[in-house]
Amino acid sequence: MSAIAKAVEIVGSQTALAQILGVKQAHVWNWLHIHKRSPAKYIRRISLATEGEVSESDLLRDHEL
């Protein structure tokens, strides 16, 4: 499972994560299904949204694959 998928699971939904980040749900869907990673500019905010359960390092690893 990718770190972004784990973050969505922890937060509860794509819509919930999108609201936290101030983006549309469709963006989160694209990150999950097309890009398989989140944009780098959202990594810190996603980690904070999961209260550290998904670390910045975990999200950066998605970029290495």
Protein backbone atom coordinates (compact mmCIF):
# COMPACT_ATOMS: atom_id res chain seq x y z
CA MET A 1 0.00 0.00 0.00
CA SER A 2 1.33 3.44 -0.88
CA ALA A 3 1.77 6.03 1.84
CA ILE A 4 -0.88 8.26 0.28
CA ALA A 5 -3.35 5.34 0.34
CA LYS A 6 -2.55 4.75 4.00
CA ALA A 7 -3.08 8.45 4.73
CA VAL A 8 -6.50 8.37 3.07
CA GLU A 9 -7.42 5.33 5.14
CA ILE A 10 -6.31 6.99 8.38
CA VAL A 11 -8.08 10.28 7.68
CA GLY A 12 -11.22 8.42 6.65
CA SER A 13 -11.79 9.30 3.01
CA GLN A 14 -10.42 11.03 -0.05
CA THR A 15 -12.89 13.86 0.56
CA ALA A 16 -11.71 14.35 4.14
CA LEU A 17 -8.06 14.53 3.09
CA ALA A 18 -8.93 16.88 0.24
CA GLN A 19 -10.72 19.23 2.65
CA ILE A 20 -7.76 19.24 5.03
CA LEU A 21 -5.40 20.09 2.16
CA GLY A 22 -7.72 22.58 0.46
CA VAL A 23 -7.88 20.66 -2.82
CA LYS A 24 -10.65 18.88 -4.70
CA GLN A 25 -11.38 15.22 -4.03
CA ALA A 26 -10.51 14.50 -7.66
CA HIS A 27 -6.92 15.57 -6.99
CA VAL A 28 -6.61 13.01 -4.21
CA TRP A 29 -8.14 10.36 -6.48
CA ASN A 30 -5.52 11.15 -9.13
CA TRP A 31 -2.72 10.88 -6.57
CA LEU A 32 -4.02 7.46 -5.52
CA HIS A 33 -4.86 5.92 -8.87
CA ILE A 34 -2.73 7.63 -11.50
CA HIS A 35 0.38 9.10 -9.88
CA LYS A 36 0.62 6.66 -6.92
CA ARG A 37 2.06 9.50 -4.81
CA SER A 38 1.20 12.91 -3.45
CA PRO A 39 2.78 16.11 -4.74
CA ALA A 40 5.84 17.04 -2.70
CA LYS A 41 4.32 20.33 -1.56
CA TYR A 42 1.64 18.47 0.40
CA ILE A 43 3.87 15.91 2.15
CA ARG A 44 4.27 17.79 5.44
CA ARG A 45 0.55 18.62 5.64
CA ILE A 46 -0.45 15.01 4.93
CA SER A 47 1.86 13.77 7.66
CA LEU A 48 0.37 16.26 10.10
CA ALA A 49 -3.17 15.25 9.07
CA THR A 50 -2.35 11.65 10.05
CA GLU A 51 -0.74 12.82 13.30
CA GLY A 52 2.54 11.29 12.17
CA GLU A 53 1.14 7.81 11.46
CA VAL A 54 2.28 8.38 7.88
CA SER A 55 5.67 10.07 8.12
CA GLU A 56 7.17 12.49 5.66
CA SER A 57 9.77 9.81 4.90
CA ASP A 58 7.00 7.33 4.04
CA LEU A 59 5.46 9.81 1.62
CA LEU A 60 8.85 10.61 0.07
CA ARG A 61 9.45 6.88 -0.51
CA ASP A 62 6.43 6.87 -2.85
CA HIS A 63 8.45 9.23 -5.08
CA GLU A 64 11.30 6.71 -5.31
CA LEU A 65 9.19 3.91 -6.75
